[in-house]
């Protein structure tokens, strides 16, 4: 506990140092440049923004932070070569040194911004995770008190299995034999209107060429963490199974699906 407090205190001090160096103003200038760049199309640079505050999205976004860090570190290395050449060719020139110095400072600030964002992201995600778990435990206690006689250990085991498979990523197939389990689990929650069409495919994260490249970097440098393309696609066997799935997970948003599975996981532990 003391080691954790020291670590958090160190990260807080590091963030304050970056803020004292003007990292917030630099971030505002960067986002202003993004808005000006996309003034006509109204789009945005996806690698600048977090998809959501869910643990999976946050872990995936770390790949973009790694990518930007390596990109600007490589840019700094490239600046060393022209600087050395200018020193050898004409050491009396002043303005090329000034330009190279400004480029160096910009790239250093970009690296500092990645580190600053990483620390803030970790802090926010830890609070978000604790809040999700707290809500899940409260909801699980209510379910156990009201629907204790409806609880089926096999259904709860399947919910825990589904949660584990979602964290692993890939394609999950829900066969027709799981329909009754899904309906029994859905009966534990208040009745809600299911959203979406009957397409029997539920995808978590989109693909993209840049995302593929960042994912390769993430798997190479941080293989212990979920990568950007470790998405989950859930395919149901038929229309009835899909309707049972949507009865349990009325909101198709990934964080809402995870929240409901966390509740069932907490019920299983009670």
C-alpha atoms as a PDB file:
ATOM      1  CA  UNK A   1       0.000   0.000   0.000  1.00  0.00           C
ATOM      2  CA  UNK A   2       2.818   2.407   0.882  1.00  0.00           C
ATOM      3  CA  UNK A   3       4.604   1.560  -2.382  1.00  0.00           C
ATOM      4  CA  UNK A   4       1.395   2.252  -4.317  1.00  0.00           C
ATOM      5  CA  UNK A   5       0.961   5.615  -2.600  1.00  0.00           C
ATOM      6  CA  UNK A   6       4.560   6.557  -3.377  1.00  0.00           C
ATOM      7  CA  UNK A   7       4.045   5.583  -7.010  1.00  0.00           C
ATOM      8  CA  UNK A   8       0.870   7.654  -7.275  1.00  0.00           C
ATOM      9  CA  UNK A   9       2.569  10.592  -5.556  1.00  0.00           C
ATOM     10  CA  UNK A  10       5.468  10.341  -7.994  1.00  0.00           C
ATOM     11  CA  UNK A  11       3.148  10.327 -10.988  1.00  0.00           C
ATOM     12  CA  UNK A  12       1.227  13.302  -9.608  1.00  0.00           C
ATOM     13  CA  UNK A  13       4.479  15.218  -9.181  1.00  0.00           C
ATOM     14  CA  UNK A  14       5.487  14.268 -12.724  1.00  0.00           C
ATOM     15  CA  UNK A  15       2.190  15.572 -14.081  1.00  0.00           C
ATOM     16  CA  UNK A  16       2.600  18.842 -12.200  1.00  0.00           C
ATOM     17  CA  UNK A  17       6.057  19.235 -13.709  1.00  0.00           C
ATOM     18  CA  UNK A  18       4.630  18.814 -17.214  1.00  0.00           C
ATOM     19  CA  UNK A  19       1.861  21.292 -16.402  1.00  0.00           C
ATOM     20  CA  UNK A  20       4.420  23.803 -15.127  1.00  0.00           C
ATOM     21  CA  UNK A  21       6.236  23.429 -18.454  1.00  0.00           C
ATOM     22  CA  UNK A  22       3.035  24.393 -20.268  1.00  0.00           C
ATOM     23  CA  UNK A  23       1.898  20.988 -21.525  1.00  0.00           C
ATOM     24  CA  UNK A  24      -1.784  21.959 -21.254  1.00  0.00           C
ATOM     25  CA  UNK A  25      -1.285  24.997 -23.486  1.00  0.00           C
ATOM     26  CA  UNK A  26       0.625  22.816 -25.939  1.00  0.00           C
ATOM     27  CA  UNK A  27      -2.250  20.313 -25.982  1.00  0.00           C
ATOM     28  CA  UNK A  28      -4.775  23.090 -26.625  1.00  0.00           C
ATOM     29  CA  UNK A  29      -2.659  24.365 -29.513  1.00  0.00           C
ATOM     30  CA  UNK A  30      -2.451  20.837 -30.922  1.00  0.00           C
ATOM     31  CA  UNK A  31      -6.224  20.339 -30.788  1.00  0.00           C
ATOM     32  CA  UNK A  32      -6.751  23.793 -32.274  1.00  0.00           C
ATOM     33  CA  UNK A  33      -4.601  22.722 -35.211  1.00  0.00           C
ATOM     34  CA  UNK A  34      -6.701  19.571 -35.553  1.00  0.00           C
ATOM     35  CA  UNK A  35      -9.938  21.587 -35.657  1.00  0.00           C
ATOM     36  CA  UNK A  36      -8.515  23.972 -38.248  1.00  0.00           C
ATOM     37  CA  UNK A  37      -7.343  21.043 -40.358  1.00  0.00           C
ATOM     38  CA  UNK A  38     -10.809  19.461 -40.337  1.00  0.00           C
ATOM     39  CA  UNK A  39     -12.741  22.706 -40.486  1.00  0.00           C
ATOM     40  CA  UNK A  40     -14.454  21.781 -43.753  1.00  0.00           C
ATOM     41  CA  UNK A  41     -15.160  18.094 -43.235  1.00  0.00           C
ATOM     42  CA  UNK A  42     -15.927  18.283 -39.500  1.00  0.00           C
ATOM     43  CA  UNK A  43     -13.880  15.128 -38.938  1.00  0.00           C
ATOM     44  CA  UNK A  44     -11.221  14.488 -36.298  1.00  0.00           C
ATOM     45  CA  UNK A  45      -8.014  12.525 -35.879  1.00  0.00           C
ATOM     46  CA  UNK A  46      -9.174   9.327 -34.263  1.00  0.00           C
ATOM     47  CA  UNK A  47      -5.727   8.584 -32.869  1.00  0.00           C
ATOM     48  CA  UNK A  48      -5.990  11.787 -30.791  1.00  0.00           C
ATOM     49  CA  UNK A  49      -9.189  10.803 -28.982  1.00  0.00           C
ATOM     50  CA  UNK A  50     -10.295   8.031 -26.679  1.00  0.00           C
ATOM     51  CA  UNK A  51     -13.281   6.017 -27.929  1.00  0.00           C
ATOM     52  CA  UNK A  52     -14.741   5.594 -24.431  1.00  0.00           C
ATOM     53  CA  UNK A  53     -13.729   5.238 -20.790  1.00  0.00           C
ATOM     54  CA  UNK A  54     -14.151   1.477 -20.841  1.00  0.00           C
ATOM     55  CA  UNK A  55     -11.060  -0.505 -19.762  1.00  0.00           C
ATOM     56  CA  UNK A  56     -10.759  -2.148 -23.186  1.00  0.00           C
ATOM     57  CA  UNK A  57     -10.874   1.130 -25.105  1.00  0.00           C
ATOM     58  CA  UNK A  58      -8.373   2.713 -22.729  1.00  0.00           C
ATOM     59  CA  UNK A  59      -5.950  -0.190 -23.055  1.00  0.00           C
ATOM     60  CA  UNK A  60      -6.283  -0.053 -26.837  1.00  0.00           C
ATOM     61  CA  UNK A  61      -5.675   3.709 -26.883  1.00  0.00           C
ATOM     62  CA  UNK A  62      -2.323   3.119 -25.187  1.00  0.00           C
ATOM     63  CA  UNK A  63      -1.206   1.776 -28.552  1.00  0.00           C
ATOM     64  CA  UNK A  64      -1.676   5.207 -30.118  1.00  0.00           C
ATOM     65  CA  UNK A  65       0.300   6.807 -27.278  1.00  0.00           C
ATOM     66  CA  UNK A  66       3.118   4.340 -27.944  1.00  0.00           C
ATOM     67  CA  UNK A  67       2.958   5.053 -31.671  1.00  0.00           C
ATOM     68  CA  UNK A  68       3.177   8.819 -31.200  1.00  0.00           C
ATOM     69  CA  UNK A  69       6.054   8.443 -28.732  1.00  0.00           C
ATOM     70  CA  UNK A  70       8.095   6.309 -31.125  1.00  0.00           C
ATOM     71  CA  UNK A  71       7.244   8.606 -34.030  1.00  0.00           C
ATOM     72  CA  UNK A  72       8.530  11.731 -32.279  1.00  0.00           C
ATOM     73  CA  UNK A  73      11.539   9.921 -30.841  1.00  0.00           C
ATOM     74  CA  UNK A  74      12.471   8.899 -34.398  1.00  0.00           C
ATOM     75  CA  UNK A  75      11.974  12.517 -35.515  1.00  0.00           C
ATOM     76  CA  UNK A  76      14.430  13.675 -32.834  1.00  0.00           C
ATOM     77  CA  UNK A  77      17.014  11.182 -34.096  1.00  0.00           C
ATOM     78  CA  UNK A  78      16.552  12.503 -37.622  1.00  0.00           C
ATOM     79  CA  UNK A  79      17.202  16.054 -36.390  1.00  0.00           C
ATOM     80  CA  UNK A  80      20.619  15.069 -35.067  1.00  0.00           C
ATOM     81  CA  UNK A  81      22.014  14.314 -38.546  1.00  0.00           C
ATOM     82  CA  UNK A  82      21.348  17.739 -40.164  1.00  0.00           C
ATOM     83  CA  UNK A  83      22.539  19.463 -37.004  1.00  0.00           C
ATOM     84  CA  UNK A  84      25.884  17.626 -37.148  1.00  0.00           C
ATOM     85  CA  UNK A  85      26.214  18.316 -40.887  1.00  0.00           C
ATOM     86  CA  UNK A  86      25.585  22.034 -40.388  1.00  0.00           C
ATOM     87  CA  UNK A  87      28.144  22.144 -37.610  1.00  0.00           C
ATOM     88  CA  UNK A  88      30.721  20.657 -39.956  1.00  0.00           C
ATOM     89  CA  UNK A  89      29.825  22.635 -43.102  1.00  0.00           C
ATOM     90  CA  UNK A  90      29.184  26.106 -41.703  1.00  0.00           C
ATOM     91  CA  UNK A  91      29.335  26.422 -37.916  1.00  0.00           C
ATOM     92  CA  UNK A  92      28.715  30.177 -38.102  1.00  0.00           C
ATOM     93  CA  UNK A  93      25.108  29.955 -39.301  1.00  0.00           C
ATOM     94  CA  UNK A  94      22.562  30.827 -36.642  1.00  0.00           C
ATOM     95  CA  UNK A  95      19.102  30.489 -38.164  1.00  0.00           C
ATOM     96  CA  UNK A  96      19.382  26.763 -39.111  1.00  0.00           C
ATOM     97  CA  UNK A  97      20.313  26.000 -35.509  1.00  0.00           C
ATOM     98  CA  UNK A  98      17.292  27.973 -34.337  1.00  0.00           C
ATOM     99  CA  UNK A  99      14.946  26.046 -36.646  1.00  0.00           C
ATOM    100  CA  UNK A 100      16.367  22.701 -35.560  1.00  0.00           C
ATOM    101  CA  UNK A 101      16.099  23.749 -31.908  1.00  0.00           C
ATOM    102  CA  UNK A 102      12.437  24.670 -32.337  1.00  0.00           C
ATOM    103  CA  UNK A 103      11.711  21.351 -34.056  1.00  0.00           C
ATOM    104  CA  UNK A 104      13.510  19.532 -31.255  1.00  0.00           C
ATOM    105  CA  UNK A 105      11.451  21.339 -28.595  1.00  0.00           C
ATOM    106  CA  UNK A 106       8.186  20.587 -30.422  1.00  0.00           C
ATOM    107  CA  UNK A 107       9.004  16.875 -30.621  1.00  0.00           C
ATOM    108  CA  UNK A 108      10.069  16.782 -26.967  1.00  0.00           C
ATOM    109  CA  UNK A 109       6.775  18.384 -25.990  1.00  0.00           C
ATOM    110  CA  UNK A 110       4.915  15.822 -28.088  1.00  0.00           C
ATOM    111  CA  UNK A 111       6.652  13.033 -26.175  1.00  0.00           C
ATOM    112  CA  UNK A 112       5.877  14.738 -22.867  1.00  0.00           C
ATOM    113  CA  UNK A 113       2.236  15.002 -23.942  1.00  0.00           C
ATOM    114  CA  UNK A 114       2.065  11.236 -24.575  1.00  0.00           C
ATOM    115  CA  UNK A 115       3.465  10.564 -21.108  1.00  0.00           C
ATOM    116  CA  UNK A 116       1.138  13.124 -19.514  1.00  0.00           C
ATOM    117  CA  UNK A 117      -1.869  11.637 -21.310  1.00  0.00           C
ATOM    118  CA  UNK A 118      -0.821   8.116 -20.304  1.00  0.00           C
ATOM    119  CA  UNK A 119      -0.677   9.018 -16.600  1.00  0.00           C
ATOM    120  CA  UNK A 120      -4.021  10.833 -16.726  1.00  0.00           C
ATOM    121  CA  UNK A 121      -5.585   7.950 -18.646  1.00  0.00           C
ATOM    122  CA  UNK A 122      -4.410   5.440 -16.050  1.00  0.00           C
ATOM    123  CA  UNK A 123      -5.812   7.525 -13.207  1.00  0.00           C
ATOM    124  CA  UNK A 124      -9.173   8.017 -14.915  1.00  0.00           C
ATOM    125  CA  UNK A 125      -9.447   4.334 -15.843  1.00  0.00           C
ATOM    126  CA  UNK A 126      -8.635   3.209 -12.318  1.00  0.00           C
ATOM    127  CA  UNK A 127     -11.415   5.421 -10.966  1.00  0.00           C
ATOM    128  CA  UNK A 128     -13.765   4.250 -13.718  1.00  0.00           C
ATOM    129  CA  UNK A 129     -12.975   0.599 -13.048  1.00  0.00           C
ATOM    130  CA  UNK A 130     -13.540   1.037  -9.307  1.00  0.00           C
ATOM    131  CA  UNK A 131     -16.855   2.782 -10.010  1.00  0.00           C
ATOM    132  CA  UNK A 132     -17.988   0.028 -12.392  1.00  0.00           C
ATOM    133  CA  UNK A 133     -17.117  -2.659  -9.835  1.00  0.00           C
ATOM    134  CA  UNK A 134     -18.895  -0.752  -7.067  1.00  0.00           C
ATOM    135  CA  UNK A 135     -22.024  -0.392  -9.187  1.00  0.00           C
ATOM    136  CA  UNK A 136     -21.832  -4.060 -10.160  1.00  0.00           C
ATOM    137  CA  UNK A 137     -21.667  -5.180  -6.523  1.00  0.00           C
ATOM    138  CA  UNK A 138     -24.644  -2.983  -5.538  1.00  0.00           C
ATOM    139  CA  UNK A 139     -26.703  -4.270  -8.454  1.00  0.00           C
ATOM    140  CA  UNK A 140     -25.654  -7.866  -7.719  1.00  0.00           C
ATOM    141  CA  UNK A 141     -26.865  -7.602  -4.122  1.00  0.00           C
ATOM    142  CA  UNK A 142     -30.263  -6.341  -5.279  1.00  0.00           C
ATOM    143  CA  UNK A 143     -30.544  -9.165  -7.795  1.00  0.00           C
ATOM    144  CA  UNK A 144     -29.616 -11.766  -5.191  1.00  0.00           C
ATOM    145  CA  UNK A 145     -32.184 -10.355  -2.764  1.00  0.00           C
ATOM    146  CA  UNK A 146     -35.037 -10.113  -5.276  1.00  0.00           C
ATOM    147  CA  UNK A 147     -34.342 -13.011  -7.669  1.00  0.00           C
ATOM    148  CA  UNK A 148     -32.390 -15.405  -5.493  1.00  0.00           C
ATOM    149  CA  UNK A 149     -34.655 -18.324  -6.425  1.00  0.00           C
ATOM    150  CA  UNK A 150     -34.106 -17.694 -10.149  1.00  0.00           C
ATOM    151  CA  UNK A 151     -30.320 -17.894 -10.012  1.00  0.00           C
ATOM    152  CA  UNK A 152     -28.849 -20.810 -11.929  1.00  0.00           C
ATOM    153  CA  UNK A 153     -25.152 -21.568 -11.338  1.00  0.00           C
ATOM    154  CA  UNK A 154     -24.728 -22.840 -14.899  1.00  0.00           C
ATOM    155  CA  UNK A 155     -26.112 -19.584 -16.328  1.00  0.00           C
ATOM    156  CA  UNK A 156     -23.787 -17.511 -14.153  1.00  0.00           C
ATOM    157  CA  UNK A 157     -20.848 -19.697 -15.203  1.00  0.00           C
ATOM    158  CA  UNK A 158     -21.720 -19.019 -18.834  1.00  0.00           C
ATOM    159  CA  UNK A 159     -21.839 -15.261 -18.177  1.00  0.00           C
ATOM    160  CA  UNK A 160     -18.377 -15.466 -16.595  1.00  0.00           C
ATOM    161  CA  UNK A 161     -17.143 -17.459 -19.604  1.00  0.00           C
ATOM    162  CA  UNK A 162     -18.576 -14.848 -21.976  1.00  0.00           C
ATOM    163  CA  UNK A 163     -16.842 -12.051 -20.065  1.00  0.00           C
ATOM    164  CA  UNK A 164     -13.526 -13.903 -20.235  1.00  0.00           C
ATOM    165  CA  UNK A 165     -13.875 -14.499 -23.984  1.00  0.00           C
ATOM    166  CA  UNK A 166     -14.697 -10.825 -24.599  1.00  0.00           C
ATOM    167  CA  UNK A 167     -11.513  -9.772 -22.801  1.00  0.00           C
ATOM    168  CA  UNK A 168      -9.511 -12.167 -24.962  1.00  0.00           C
ATOM    169  CA  UNK A 169     -10.997 -10.774 -28.170  1.00  0.00           C
ATOM    170  CA  UNK A 170     -11.722 -12.578 -31.419  1.00  0.00           C
ATOM    171  CA  UNK A 171     -14.997 -14.079 -32.621  1.00  0.00           C
ATOM    172  CA  UNK A 172     -17.454 -15.546 -30.104  1.00  0.00           C
ATOM    173  CA  UNK A 173     -20.222 -17.805 -31.354  1.00  0.00           C
ATOM    174  CA  UNK A 174     -23.378 -18.065 -29.248  1.00  0.00           C
ATOM    175  CA  UNK A 175     -25.060 -21.327 -30.218  1.00  0.00           C
ATOM    176  CA  UNK A 176     -28.783 -21.968 -30.071  1.00  0.00           C
ATOM    177  CA  UNK A 177     -28.412 -24.044 -26.907  1.00  0.00           C
ATOM    178  CA  UNK A 178     -27.557 -20.883 -24.954  1.00  0.00           C
ATOM    179  CA  UNK A 179     -30.914 -19.223 -25.705  1.00  0.00           C
ATOM    180  CA  UNK A 180     -32.599 -20.364 -22.490  1.00  0.00           C
ATOM    181  CA  UNK A 181     -29.601 -19.318 -20.385  1.00  0.00           C
ATOM    182  CA  UNK A 182     -29.659 -15.859 -21.947  1.00  0.00           C
ATOM    183  CA  UNK A 183     -33.407 -15.515 -21.267  1.00  0.00           C
ATOM    184  CA  UNK A 184     -33.028 -16.633 -17.636  1.00  0.00           C
ATOM    185  CA  UNK A 185     -30.190 -14.161 -17.122  1.00  0.00           C
ATOM    186  CA  UNK A 186     -32.230 -11.422 -18.810  1.00  0.00           C
ATOM    187  CA  UNK A 187     -35.094 -12.066 -16.365  1.00  0.00           C
ATOM    188  CA  UNK A 188     -32.830 -10.897 -13.537  1.00  0.00           C
ATOM    189  CA  UNK A 189     -32.800  -7.356 -14.949  1.00  0.00           C
ATOM    190  CA  UNK A 190     -35.614  -4.815 -15.484  1.00  0.00           C
ATOM    191  CA  UNK A 191     -37.353  -5.216 -18.815  1.00  0.00           C
ATOM    192  CA  UNK A 192     -35.948  -2.845 -21.445  1.00  0.00           C
ATOM    193  CA  UNK A 193     -36.541  -2.363 -25.151  1.00  0.00           C
ATOM    194  CA  UNK A 194     -33.877  -4.138 -27.178  1.00  0.00           C
ATOM    195  CA  UNK A 195     -31.972  -1.893 -29.564  1.00  0.00           C
ATOM    196  CA  UNK A 196     -30.730  -2.561 -33.068  1.00  0.00           C
ATOM    197  CA  UNK A 197     -31.728  -4.763 -35.975  1.00  0.00           C
ATOM    198  CA  UNK A 198     -31.701  -8.528 -36.093  1.00  0.00           C
ATOM    199  CA  UNK A 199     -28.355  -8.907 -37.837  1.00  0.00           C
ATOM    200  CA  UNK A 200     -26.924 -11.488 -35.423  1.00  0.00           C
ATOM    201  CA  UNK A 201     -23.518  -9.744 -35.333  1.00  0.00           C
ATOM    202  CA  UNK A 202     -22.294  -7.557 -32.490  1.00  0.00           C
ATOM    203  CA  UNK A 203     -18.897  -5.897 -33.033  1.00  0.00           C
ATOM    204  CA  UNK A 204     -16.883  -4.026 -30.425  1.00  0.00           C
ATOM    205  CA  UNK A 205     -14.136  -2.058 -32.187  1.00  0.00           C
ATOM    206  CA  UNK A 206     -13.620  -1.041 -35.839  1.00  0.00           C
ATOM    207  CA  UNK A 207     -10.634  -1.944 -37.978  1.00  0.00           C
ATOM    208  CA  UNK A 208      -8.357   0.388 -39.947  1.00  0.00           C
ATOM    209  CA  UNK A 209      -4.929   0.435 -41.638  1.00  0.00           C
ATOM    210  CA  UNK A 210      -3.424   2.746 -39.038  1.00  0.00           C
ATOM    211  CA  UNK A 211      -4.996   0.682 -36.263  1.00  0.00           C
ATOM    212  CA  UNK A 212      -3.399  -2.454 -37.706  1.00  0.00           C
ATOM    213  CA  UNK A 213       0.051  -0.840 -37.675  1.00  0.00           C
ATOM    214  CA  UNK A 214      -0.404   0.475 -34.125  1.00  0.00           C
ATOM    215  CA  UNK A 215      -1.642  -2.948 -33.035  1.00  0.00           C
ATOM    216  CA  UNK A 216       1.558  -4.573 -34.319  1.00  0.00           C
ATOM    217  CA  UNK A 217       3.596  -2.071 -32.320  1.00  0.00           C
ATOM    218  CA  UNK A 218       1.514  -2.731 -29.236  1.00  0.00           C
ATOM    219  CA  UNK A 219       1.881  -6.487 -29.491  1.00  0.00           C
ATOM    220  CA  UNK A 220       5.646  -6.096 -29.895  1.00  0.00           C
ATOM    221  CA  UNK A 221       6.336  -3.617 -27.113  1.00  0.00           C
ATOM    222  CA  UNK A 222       3.495  -4.320 -24.641  1.00  0.00           C
ATOM    223  CA  UNK A 223       2.372  -7.909 -25.308  1.00  0.00           C
ATOM    224  CA  UNK A 224       0.852  -8.252 -21.827  1.00  0.00           C
ATOM    225  CA  UNK A 225      -1.837  -5.614 -22.544  1.00  0.00           C
ATOM    226  CA  UNK A 226      -4.882  -5.774 -24.835  1.00  0.00           C
ATOM    227  CA  UNK A 227      -3.982  -4.362 -28.228  1.00  0.00           C
ATOM    228  CA  UNK A 228      -5.945  -2.071 -30.496  1.00  0.00           C
ATOM    229  CA  UNK A 229      -7.288  -4.826 -32.756  1.00  0.00           C
ATOM    230  CA  UNK A 230      -8.125  -7.201 -29.951  1.00  0.00           C
ATOM    231  CA  UNK A 231     -11.748  -6.518 -30.605  1.00  0.00           C
ATOM    232  CA  UNK A 232     -14.612  -8.885 -30.023  1.00  0.00           C
ATOM    233  CA  UNK A 233     -17.248  -9.955 -32.529  1.00  0.00           C
ATOM    234  CA  UNK A 234     -20.217 -11.868 -31.132  1.00  0.00           C
ATOM    235  CA  UNK A 235     -22.203 -13.955 -33.615  1.00  0.00           C
ATOM    236  CA  UNK A 236     -25.478 -15.598 -32.613  1.00  0.00           C
ATOM    237  CA  UNK A 237     -26.705 -18.844 -34.148  1.00  0.00           C
ATOM    238  CA  UNK A 238     -30.169 -17.764 -35.300  1.00  0.00           C
ATOM    239  CA  UNK A 239     -32.852 -15.123 -34.924  1.00  0.00           C
ATOM    240  CA  UNK A 240     -34.279 -16.512 -31.669  1.00  0.00           C
ATOM    241  CA  UNK A 241     -30.835 -16.709 -30.069  1.00  0.00           C
ATOM    242  CA  UNK A 242     -30.108 -13.171 -31.243  1.00  0.00           C
ATOM    243  CA  UNK A 243     -33.341 -11.885 -29.702  1.00  0.00           C
ATOM    244  CA  UNK A 244     -32.454 -13.613 -26.433  1.00  0.00           C
ATOM    245  CA  UNK A 245     -29.003 -12.010 -26.574  1.00  0.00           C
ATOM    246  CA  UNK A 246     -30.573  -8.577 -27.167  1.00  0.00           C
ATOM    247  CA  UNK A 247     -33.023  -9.200 -24.348  1.00  0.00           C
ATOM    248  CA  UNK A 248     -30.080  -9.594 -21.975  1.00  0.00           C
ATOM    249  CA  UNK A 249     -27.951  -6.855 -23.539  1.00  0.00           C
ATOM    250  CA  UNK A 250     -30.496  -4.230 -24.568  1.00  0.00           C
ATOM    251  CA  UNK A 251     -27.849  -1.540 -24.995  1.00  0.00           C
ATOM    252  CA  UNK A 252     -25.318  -2.635 -27.669  1.00  0.00           C
ATOM    253  CA  UNK A 253     -22.598  -0.268 -26.407  1.00  0.00           C
ATOM    254  CA  UNK A 254     -19.529  -2.339 -25.408  1.00  0.00           C
ATOM    255  CA  UNK A 255     -19.188  -0.685 -21.997  1.00  0.00           C
ATOM    256  CA  UNK A 256     -22.846  -1.450 -21.216  1.00  0.00           C
ATOM    257  CA  UNK A 257     -22.406  -5.095 -22.195  1.00  0.00           C
ATOM    258  CA  UNK A 258     -19.328  -5.303 -19.982  1.00  0.00           C
ATOM    259  CA  UNK A 259     -21.185  -3.601 -17.126  1.00  0.00           C
ATOM    260  CA  UNK A 260     -23.988  -6.163 -17.233  1.00  0.00           C
ATOM    261  CA  UNK A 261     -21.509  -9.035 -17.353  1.00  0.00           C
ATOM    262  CA  UNK A 262     -19.648  -7.551 -14.385  1.00  0.00           C
ATOM    263  CA  UNK A 263     -22.921  -7.523 -12.466  1.00  0.00           C
ATOM    264  CA  UNK A 264     -23.492 -11.217 -13.255  1.00  0.00           C
ATOM    265  CA  UNK A 265     -19.904 -11.951 -12.247  1.00  0.00           C
ATOM    266  CA  UNK A 266     -20.526 -10.231  -8.901  1.00  0.00           C
ATOM    267  CA  UNK A 267     -23.765 -12.213  -8.450  1.00  0.00           C
ATOM    268  CA  UNK A 268     -21.805 -15.403  -9.051  1.00  0.00           C
ATOM    269  CA  UNK A 269     -19.352 -14.502  -6.278  1.00  0.00           C
ATOM    270  CA  UNK A 270     -22.021 -13.729  -3.670  1.00  0.00           C
END
